[in-house]
Amino acid sequence: MPSHLAKRSVEALLSVLLVMLGVLGLAGRGAAVSAAPAGPPGPDWERIAACESSGRWHINTGNGYHGGLQIDLATWRAYGGDRFAPRADLASRAQQITVGERIVRDRGLSAWPNCARVTSASDRTAPADQETAAAAPATGLRPSTRALRS
């Protein structure tokens, strides 16, 4: 007949084993999820800001475009920027990027035809929207980033 202590040891061992398997099972699923591709790379906001405003996130030169991403007032408001600040140059870098991401979801990178770049592992400087940049007039005037009306 097995002793009382042996029975308790087996129960404790099984409990520890079940806990360890549970933890390992969760870790295995978490590792599989994190190893999955995250989809296409997003815009490199630092590069766009460097091109648009020399990386100055609080710039207002009086040309109608504000902040590091040079967003005009109508677009800023249309994409919810006025929840953060009256103009992009008065908002934080993170808030400007939040609005920029909303613009990209709706219109792609067409709001920044000459400066938009996407990041990738192989080439961090590939133009994201070459067709739009090629179609931009050579007048030196900045195309409007006004919100599209439906």
C-alpha atoms as a PDB file:
ATOM      1  CA  MET A   1       0.000   0.000   0.000  1.00  0.00           C
ATOM      2  CA  PRO A   2       1.477   3.412  -1.037  1.00  0.00           C
ATOM      3  CA  SER A   3       2.333   5.782   1.734  1.00  0.00           C
ATOM      4  CA  HIS A   4       0.455   9.009   2.337  1.00  0.00           C
ATOM      5  CA  LEU A   5       3.580  11.075   1.603  1.00  0.00           C
ATOM      6  CA  ALA A   6       4.117   9.366  -1.757  1.00  0.00           C
ATOM      7  CA  LYS A   7       0.520  10.152  -2.793  1.00  0.00           C
ATOM      8  CA  ARG A   8       0.983  13.851  -1.845  1.00  0.00           C
ATOM      9  CA  SER A   9       4.271  14.009  -3.788  1.00  0.00           C
ATOM     10  CA  VAL A  10       2.640  12.620  -6.932  1.00  0.00           C
ATOM     11  CA  GLU A  11      -0.263  15.107  -6.633  1.00  0.00           C
ATOM     12  CA  ALA A  12       2.151  18.006  -6.134  1.00  0.00           C
ATOM     13  CA  LEU A  13       4.258  16.865  -9.066  1.00  0.00           C
ATOM     14  CA  LEU A  14       1.190  16.597 -11.315  1.00  0.00           C
ATOM     15  CA  SER A  15       0.014  20.060 -10.256  1.00  0.00           C
ATOM     16  CA  VAL A  16       3.407  21.579 -11.021  1.00  0.00           C
ATOM     17  CA  LEU A  17       3.526  19.722 -14.334  1.00  0.00           C
ATOM     18  CA  LEU A  18       0.073  20.982 -15.351  1.00  0.00           C
ATOM     19  CA  VAL A  19       1.015  24.559 -14.487  1.00  0.00           C
ATOM     20  CA  MET A  20       4.250  24.298 -16.454  1.00  0.00           C
ATOM     21  CA  LEU A  21       2.460  22.845 -19.476  1.00  0.00           C
ATOM     22  CA  GLY A  22      -0.091  25.628 -19.308  1.00  0.00           C
ATOM     23  CA  VAL A  23       2.607  28.281 -19.197  1.00  0.00           C
ATOM     24  CA  LEU A  24       4.546  26.649 -22.012  1.00  0.00           C
ATOM     25  CA  GLY A  25       1.373  26.317 -24.051  1.00  0.00           C
ATOM     26  CA  LEU A  26       0.650  30.038 -23.700  1.00  0.00           C
ATOM     27  CA  ALA A  27       4.252  30.964 -24.456  1.00  0.00           C
ATOM     28  CA  GLY A  28       4.183  28.797 -27.577  1.00  0.00           C
ATOM     29  CA  ARG A  29       1.036  30.518 -28.885  1.00  0.00           C
ATOM     30  CA  GLY A  30       2.434  33.955 -28.029  1.00  0.00           C
ATOM     31  CA  ALA A  31       5.652  33.218 -29.890  1.00  0.00           C
ATOM     32  CA  ALA A  32       3.685  32.038 -32.917  1.00  0.00           C
ATOM     33  CA  VAL A  33       1.635  35.226 -32.929  1.00  0.00           C
ATOM     34  CA  SER A  34       4.669  37.490 -32.596  1.00  0.00           C
ATOM     35  CA  ALA A  35       6.484  35.626 -35.375  1.00  0.00           C
ATOM     36  CA  ALA A  36       3.612  36.251 -37.807  1.00  0.00           C
ATOM     37  CA  PRO A  37       4.275  38.997 -40.348  1.00  0.00           C
ATOM     38  CA  ALA A  38       2.816  42.340 -39.320  1.00  0.00           C
ATOM     39  CA  GLY A  39       1.680  43.189 -42.847  1.00  0.00           C
ATOM     40  CA  PRO A  40       3.096  45.818 -45.135  1.00  0.00           C
ATOM     41  CA  PRO A  41       5.514  48.272 -43.572  1.00  0.00           C
ATOM     42  CA  GLY A  42       4.112  51.639 -42.578  1.00  0.00           C
ATOM     43  CA  PRO A  43       5.277  55.115 -43.423  1.00  0.00           C
ATOM     44  CA  ASP A  44       8.546  56.352 -41.986  1.00  0.00           C
ATOM     45  CA  TRP A  45       7.170  59.461 -40.287  1.00  0.00           C
ATOM     46  CA  GLU A  46      10.609  60.721 -39.312  1.00  0.00           C
ATOM     47  CA  ARG A  47      11.724  60.720 -42.945  1.00  0.00           C
ATOM     48  CA  ILE A  48       8.523  62.380 -44.112  1.00  0.00           C
ATOM     49  CA  ALA A  49       8.918  65.080 -41.450  1.00  0.00           C
ATOM     50  CA  ALA A  50      12.601  65.519 -42.337  1.00  0.00           C
ATOM     51  CA  CYS A  51      11.620  66.099 -45.961  1.00  0.00           C
ATOM     52  CA  GLU A  52       8.529  68.242 -45.290  1.00  0.00           C
ATOM     53  CA  SER A  53       9.762  70.407 -42.417  1.00  0.00           C
ATOM     54  CA  SER A  54      13.392  69.530 -41.749  1.00  0.00           C
ATOM     55  CA  GLY A  55      12.115  67.428 -38.868  1.00  0.00           C
ATOM     56  CA  ARG A  56      10.658  70.407 -37.003  1.00  0.00           C
ATOM     57  CA  TRP A  57       7.393  69.108 -35.569  1.00  0.00           C
ATOM     58  CA  HIS A  58       6.199  72.514 -34.301  1.00  0.00           C
ATOM     59  CA  ILE A  59       6.898  74.550 -37.445  1.00  0.00           C
ATOM     60  CA  ASN A  60       4.465  77.175 -38.755  1.00  0.00           C
ATOM     61  CA  THR A  61       5.991  79.142 -41.621  1.00  0.00           C
ATOM     62  CA  GLY A  62       2.751  80.836 -42.601  1.00  0.00           C
ATOM     63  CA  ASN A  63       2.344  78.873 -45.856  1.00  0.00           C
ATOM     64  CA  GLY A  64      -0.909  77.208 -44.737  1.00  0.00           C
ATOM     65  CA  TYR A  65       0.753  73.913 -43.811  1.00  0.00           C
ATOM     66  CA  HIS A  66       1.607  73.149 -40.199  1.00  0.00           C
ATOM     67  CA  GLY A  67       3.701  70.808 -38.110  1.00  0.00           C
ATOM     68  CA  GLY A  68       6.268  68.218 -39.001  1.00  0.00           C
ATOM     69  CA  LEU A  69       4.037  66.562 -41.595  1.00  0.00           C
ATOM     70  CA  GLN A  70       2.905  69.901 -43.073  1.00  0.00           C
ATOM     71  CA  ILE A  71      -0.833  69.233 -42.772  1.00  0.00           C
ATOM     72  CA  ASP A  72      -3.208  71.984 -43.832  1.00  0.00           C
ATOM     73  CA  LEU A  73      -5.946  73.141 -41.469  1.00  0.00           C
ATOM     74  CA  ALA A  74      -8.870  71.580 -43.361  1.00  0.00           C
ATOM     75  CA  THR A  75      -7.183  68.167 -43.427  1.00  0.00           C
ATOM     76  CA  TRP A  76      -6.138  68.471 -39.781  1.00  0.00           C
ATOM     77  CA  ARG A  77      -9.765  69.072 -38.784  1.00  0.00           C
ATOM     78  CA  ALA A  78     -11.222  66.481 -41.187  1.00  0.00           C
ATOM     79  CA  TYR A  79      -9.090  63.734 -39.666  1.00  0.00           C
ATOM     80  CA  GLY A  80      -9.757  64.615 -36.039  1.00  0.00           C
ATOM     81  CA  GLY A  81      -6.659  66.656 -35.311  1.00  0.00           C
ATOM     82  CA  ASP A  82      -8.698  69.401 -33.679  1.00  0.00           C
ATOM     83  CA  ARG A  83      -9.290  66.981 -30.796  1.00  0.00           C
ATOM     84  CA  PHE A  84      -5.590  67.381 -30.032  1.00  0.00           C
ATOM     85  CA  ALA A  85      -4.849  71.001 -30.931  1.00  0.00           C
ATOM     86  CA  PRO A  86      -6.212  73.785 -33.156  1.00  0.00           C
ATOM     87  CA  ARG A  87      -3.390  73.241 -35.698  1.00  0.00           C
ATOM     88  CA  ALA A  88      -0.818  70.521 -36.306  1.00  0.00           C
ATOM     89  CA  ASP A  89       2.112  72.696 -35.220  1.00  0.00           C
ATOM     90  CA  LEU A  90       0.509  73.038 -31.785  1.00  0.00           C
ATOM     91  CA  ALA A  91       0.139  69.266 -31.365  1.00  0.00           C
ATOM     92  CA  SER A  92       2.756  66.790 -30.197  1.00  0.00           C
ATOM     93  CA  ARG A  93       4.745  64.638 -32.591  1.00  0.00           C
ATOM     94  CA  ALA A  94       2.707  61.575 -31.554  1.00  0.00           C
ATOM     95  CA  GLN A  95      -0.578  63.403 -32.151  1.00  0.00           C
ATOM     96  CA  GLN A  96       0.556  64.526 -35.609  1.00  0.00           C
ATOM     97  CA  ILE A  97       1.516  60.952 -36.445  1.00  0.00           C
ATOM     98  CA  THR A  98      -1.896  59.747 -35.248  1.00  0.00           C
ATOM     99  CA  VAL A  99      -3.586  62.122 -37.682  1.00  0.00           C
ATOM    100  CA  GLY A 100      -1.078  61.154 -40.388  1.00  0.00           C
ATOM    101  CA  GLU A 101      -2.005  57.490 -39.924  1.00  0.00           C
ATOM    102  CA  ARG A 102      -5.687  58.349 -40.325  1.00  0.00           C
ATOM    103  CA  ILE A 103      -4.893  60.191 -43.552  1.00  0.00           C
ATOM    104  CA  VAL A 104      -2.866  57.233 -44.845  1.00  0.00           C
ATOM    105  CA  ARG A 105      -5.682  54.788 -44.038  1.00  0.00           C
ATOM    106  CA  ASP A 106      -8.117  56.932 -46.006  1.00  0.00           C
ATOM    107  CA  ARG A 107      -6.012  58.294 -48.876  1.00  0.00           C
ATOM    108  CA  GLY A 108      -2.702  56.477 -48.819  1.00  0.00           C
ATOM    109  CA  LEU A 109       0.477  58.505 -48.999  1.00  0.00           C
ATOM    110  CA  SER A 110      -0.870  60.868 -51.659  1.00  0.00           C
ATOM    111  CA  ALA A 111      -0.883  63.725 -49.137  1.00  0.00           C
ATOM    112  CA  TRP A 112       2.944  63.643 -49.236  1.00  0.00           C
ATOM    113  CA  PRO A 113       3.706  62.906 -52.909  1.00  0.00           C
ATOM    114  CA  ASN A 114       7.286  64.147 -52.859  1.00  0.00           C
ATOM    115  CA  CYS A 115       8.318  63.049 -49.388  1.00  0.00           C
ATOM    116  CA  ALA A 116       6.424  59.843 -48.627  1.00  0.00           C
ATOM    117  CA  ARG A 117       8.622  56.838 -48.031  1.00  0.00           C
ATOM    118  CA  VAL A 118       7.832  53.420 -46.653  1.00  0.00           C
ATOM    119  CA  THR A 119      10.166  51.401 -44.535  1.00  0.00           C
ATOM    120  CA  SER A 120      11.263  47.941 -45.491  1.00  0.00           C
ATOM    121  CA  ALA A 121      14.041  45.640 -44.471  1.00  0.00           C
ATOM    122  CA  SER A 122      15.788  45.901 -47.831  1.00  0.00           C
ATOM    123  CA  ASP A 123      15.343  49.560 -48.791  1.00  0.00           C
ATOM    124  CA  ARG A 124      14.305  52.310 -46.389  1.00  0.00           C
ATOM    125  CA  THR A 125      14.302  54.980 -49.106  1.00  0.00           C
ATOM    126  CA  ALA A 126      12.051  53.481 -51.777  1.00  0.00           C
ATOM    127  CA  PRO A 127       9.423  55.990 -52.951  1.00  0.00           C
ATOM    128  CA  ALA A 128       6.016  54.919 -51.724  1.00  0.00           C
ATOM    129  CA  ASP A 129       3.939  56.631 -54.355  1.00  0.00           C
ATOM    130  CA  GLN A 130       6.039  57.168 -57.472  1.00  0.00           C
ATOM    131  CA  GLU A 131       3.014  57.610 -59.733  1.00  0.00           C
ATOM    132  CA  THR A 132       1.640  60.456 -57.632  1.00  0.00           C
ATOM    133  CA  ALA A 133       5.060  62.102 -57.381  1.00  0.00           C
ATOM    134  CA  ALA A 134       5.580  61.823 -61.133  1.00  0.00           C
ATOM    135  CA  ALA A 135       2.139  63.311 -61.799  1.00  0.00           C
ATOM    136  CA  ALA A 136       2.761  66.305 -59.500  1.00  0.00           C
ATOM    137  CA  PRO A 137       3.221  69.568 -61.382  1.00  0.00           C
ATOM    138  CA  ALA A 138       6.743  70.894 -61.693  1.00  0.00           C
ATOM    139  CA  THR A 139       5.664  74.358 -60.569  1.00  0.00           C
ATOM    140  CA  GLY A 140       7.218  74.012 -57.146  1.00  0.00           C
ATOM    141  CA  LEU A 141       3.831  74.571 -55.493  1.00  0.00           C
ATOM    142  CA  ARG A 142       2.797  72.166 -52.801  1.00  0.00           C
ATOM    143  CA  PRO A 143      -0.288  70.075 -53.748  1.00  0.00           C
ATOM    144  CA  SER A 144      -3.267  70.479 -51.443  1.00  0.00           C
ATOM    145  CA  THR A 145      -3.775  67.946 -48.669  1.00  0.00           C
ATOM    146  CA  ARG A 146      -7.400  68.936 -48.201  1.00  0.00           C
ATOM    147  CA  ALA A 147      -9.809  66.194 -47.241  1.00  0.00           C
ATOM    148  CA  LEU A 148     -11.719  64.554 -50.053  1.00  0.00           C
ATOM    149  CA  ARG A 149     -15.453  65.186 -49.880  1.00  0.00           C
ATOM    150  CA  SER A 150     -17.837  62.329 -50.609  1.00  0.00           C
END
